[in-house]
């Protein structure tokens, strides 16, 4: 059984590849991500780094109208993870009083 988990970026790449097989080379060139890394991300063999995911999302927003909504979601996810990792987003040990 295959234990690979395809990420949100990988699912977007899979959808992109079903529309146009040659688009991967253009994406790799414009987003500065090696074709091999994009291919492996699409199959779940590898995860893209956060900056690569951000470049992928930005490229899709500009060049793929059919995937624009998912690309915005990926961009928001990457930026939120970065804010959490840098401590910009406050976390609390207890939920708000309204939740208790």
C-alpha atoms as a PDB file:
ATOM      1  CA  UNK A   1       0.000   0.000   0.000  1.00  0.00           C
ATOM      2  CA  UNK A   2       1.246   3.459  -0.898  1.00  0.00           C
ATOM      3  CA  UNK A   3       1.560   5.819   2.101  1.00  0.00           C
ATOM      4  CA  UNK A   4       2.179   8.968   0.059  1.00  0.00           C
ATOM      5  CA  UNK A   5       0.062  11.972   0.897  1.00  0.00           C
ATOM      6  CA  UNK A   6      -0.515  14.469  -1.869  1.00  0.00           C
ATOM      7  CA  UNK A   7      -0.502  18.014  -0.518  1.00  0.00           C
ATOM      8  CA  UNK A   8      -2.739  20.889  -1.577  1.00  0.00           C
ATOM      9  CA  UNK A   9       0.050  22.076  -3.876  1.00  0.00           C
ATOM     10  CA  UNK A  10       0.331  18.566  -5.323  1.00  0.00           C
ATOM     11  CA  UNK A  11      -3.413  18.395  -6.004  1.00  0.00           C
ATOM     12  CA  UNK A  12      -3.248  21.742  -7.794  1.00  0.00           C
ATOM     13  CA  UNK A  13      -0.362  20.480  -9.908  1.00  0.00           C
ATOM     14  CA  UNK A  14      -2.343  17.333 -10.783  1.00  0.00           C
ATOM     15  CA  UNK A  15      -5.301  19.449 -11.936  1.00  0.00           C
ATOM     16  CA  UNK A  16      -2.987  21.689 -13.923  1.00  0.00           C
ATOM     17  CA  UNK A  17      -1.393  18.685 -15.632  1.00  0.00           C
ATOM     18  CA  UNK A  18      -4.754  17.237 -16.670  1.00  0.00           C
ATOM     19  CA  UNK A  19      -5.473  20.479 -18.548  1.00  0.00           C
ATOM     20  CA  UNK A  20      -2.088  20.893 -20.247  1.00  0.00           C
ATOM     21  CA  UNK A  21       0.892  18.540 -20.089  1.00  0.00           C
ATOM     22  CA  UNK A  22       3.364  21.148 -21.410  1.00  0.00           C
ATOM     23  CA  UNK A  23       2.481  23.733 -18.786  1.00  0.00           C
ATOM     24  CA  UNK A  24       4.876  22.201 -16.251  1.00  0.00           C
ATOM     25  CA  UNK A  25       7.935  23.425 -18.144  1.00  0.00           C
ATOM     26  CA  UNK A  26       6.555  26.971 -18.368  1.00  0.00           C
ATOM     27  CA  UNK A  27       5.660  26.908 -14.672  1.00  0.00           C
ATOM     28  CA  UNK A  28       9.111  25.591 -13.732  1.00  0.00           C
ATOM     29  CA  UNK A  29      10.807  28.339 -15.699  1.00  0.00           C
ATOM     30  CA  UNK A  30       8.642  31.198 -14.441  1.00  0.00           C
ATOM     31  CA  UNK A  31       8.426  30.066 -10.790  1.00  0.00           C
ATOM     32  CA  UNK A  32      12.053  28.896 -10.590  1.00  0.00           C
ATOM     33  CA  UNK A  33      11.075  25.427  -9.375  1.00  0.00           C
ATOM     34  CA  UNK A  34      12.742  22.404 -11.044  1.00  0.00           C
ATOM     35  CA  UNK A  35      10.400  20.292 -13.205  1.00  0.00           C
ATOM     36  CA  UNK A  36      11.446  17.172 -11.293  1.00  0.00           C
ATOM     37  CA  UNK A  37      10.401  18.734  -7.982  1.00  0.00           C
ATOM     38  CA  UNK A  38       7.013  19.768  -9.430  1.00  0.00           C
ATOM     39  CA  UNK A  39       6.448  16.283 -10.843  1.00  0.00           C
ATOM     40  CA  UNK A  40       7.354  14.615  -7.554  1.00  0.00           C
ATOM     41  CA  UNK A  41       5.055  16.999  -5.658  1.00  0.00           C
ATOM     42  CA  UNK A  42       2.173  16.128  -7.991  1.00  0.00           C
ATOM     43  CA  UNK A  43       2.635  12.420  -7.275  1.00  0.00           C
ATOM     44  CA  UNK A  44       3.094  12.858  -3.528  1.00  0.00           C
ATOM     45  CA  UNK A  45       6.729  11.753  -3.497  1.00  0.00           C
ATOM     46  CA  UNK A  46       7.885  15.131  -2.227  1.00  0.00           C
ATOM     47  CA  UNK A  47       6.486  18.298  -0.701  1.00  0.00           C
ATOM     48  CA  UNK A  48       7.264  21.715  -2.081  1.00  0.00           C
ATOM     49  CA  UNK A  49       8.971  24.166   0.256  1.00  0.00           C
ATOM     50  CA  UNK A  50       6.756  27.004   1.517  1.00  0.00           C
ATOM     51  CA  UNK A  51       8.343  29.590  -0.806  1.00  0.00           C
ATOM     52  CA  UNK A  52       7.884  27.217  -3.744  1.00  0.00           C
ATOM     53  CA  UNK A  53       4.236  26.761  -2.792  1.00  0.00           C
ATOM     54  CA  UNK A  54       3.846  30.530  -2.669  1.00  0.00           C
ATOM     55  CA  UNK A  55       5.447  30.946  -6.113  1.00  0.00           C
ATOM     56  CA  UNK A  56       3.202  28.158  -7.454  1.00  0.00           C
ATOM     57  CA  UNK A  57       0.103  29.865  -6.052  1.00  0.00           C
ATOM     58  CA  UNK A  58       1.106  33.254  -7.481  1.00  0.00           C
ATOM     59  CA  UNK A  59       1.789  31.740 -10.900  1.00  0.00           C
ATOM     60  CA  UNK A  60      -1.563  29.943 -10.914  1.00  0.00           C
ATOM     61  CA  UNK A  61      -3.396  33.122  -9.902  1.00  0.00           C
ATOM     62  CA  UNK A  62      -1.856  34.911 -12.890  1.00  0.00           C
ATOM     63  CA  UNK A  63      -2.016  32.146 -15.511  1.00  0.00           C
ATOM     64  CA  UNK A  64      -4.755  29.644 -14.675  1.00  0.00           C
ATOM     65  CA  UNK A  65      -8.234  31.124 -14.295  1.00  0.00           C
ATOM     66  CA  UNK A  66      -9.809  27.720 -13.641  1.00  0.00           C
ATOM     67  CA  UNK A  67      -7.554  27.146 -10.609  1.00  0.00           C
ATOM     68  CA  UNK A  68      -7.472  30.714  -9.318  1.00  0.00           C
ATOM     69  CA  UNK A  69      -9.758  30.066  -6.317  1.00  0.00           C
ATOM     70  CA  UNK A  70      -7.687  27.083  -5.142  1.00  0.00           C
ATOM     71  CA  UNK A  71      -4.476  29.052  -5.747  1.00  0.00           C
ATOM     72  CA  UNK A  72      -5.718  31.870  -3.490  1.00  0.00           C
ATOM     73  CA  UNK A  73      -6.508  29.257  -0.823  1.00  0.00           C
ATOM     74  CA  UNK A  74      -3.014  27.755  -1.114  1.00  0.00           C
ATOM     75  CA  UNK A  75      -1.440  31.198  -0.852  1.00  0.00           C
ATOM     76  CA  UNK A  76      -3.481  31.988   2.266  1.00  0.00           C
ATOM     77  CA  UNK A  77      -2.520  28.628   3.795  1.00  0.00           C
ATOM     78  CA  UNK A  78       1.201  29.209   3.188  1.00  0.00           C
ATOM     79  CA  UNK A  79       1.080  32.754   4.559  1.00  0.00           C
ATOM     80  CA  UNK A  80      -0.884  31.655   7.643  1.00  0.00           C
ATOM     81  CA  UNK A  81       1.609  28.874   8.366  1.00  0.00           C
ATOM     82  CA  UNK A  82       4.458  31.357   8.034  1.00  0.00           C
ATOM     83  CA  UNK A  83       2.783  33.789  10.444  1.00  0.00           C
ATOM     84  CA  UNK A  84       2.203  31.000  12.974  1.00  0.00           C
ATOM     85  CA  UNK A  85       5.817  29.814  12.705  1.00  0.00           C
ATOM     86  CA  UNK A  86       7.198  33.324  13.155  1.00  0.00           C
ATOM     87  CA  UNK A  87       4.985  34.014  16.175  1.00  0.00           C
ATOM     88  CA  UNK A  88       3.076  36.853  14.514  1.00  0.00           C
ATOM     89  CA  UNK A  89      -0.211  35.096  15.237  1.00  0.00           C
ATOM     90  CA  UNK A  90      -1.016  34.921  18.934  1.00  0.00           C
ATOM     91  CA  UNK A  91      -1.855  31.501  20.290  1.00  0.00           C
ATOM     92  CA  UNK A  92      -3.484  30.890  23.625  1.00  0.00           C
ATOM     93  CA  UNK A  93      -3.554  27.900  25.943  1.00  0.00           C
ATOM     94  CA  UNK A  94      -7.302  28.340  26.522  1.00  0.00           C
ATOM     95  CA  UNK A  95     -10.100  29.145  24.124  1.00  0.00           C
ATOM     96  CA  UNK A  96     -12.045  32.406  24.393  1.00  0.00           C
ATOM     97  CA  UNK A  97     -14.531  32.646  27.252  1.00  0.00           C
ATOM     98  CA  UNK A  98     -17.399  32.445  24.774  1.00  0.00           C
ATOM     99  CA  UNK A  99     -16.245  28.946  23.819  1.00  0.00           C
ATOM    100  CA  UNK A 100     -16.067  27.633  27.394  1.00  0.00           C
END
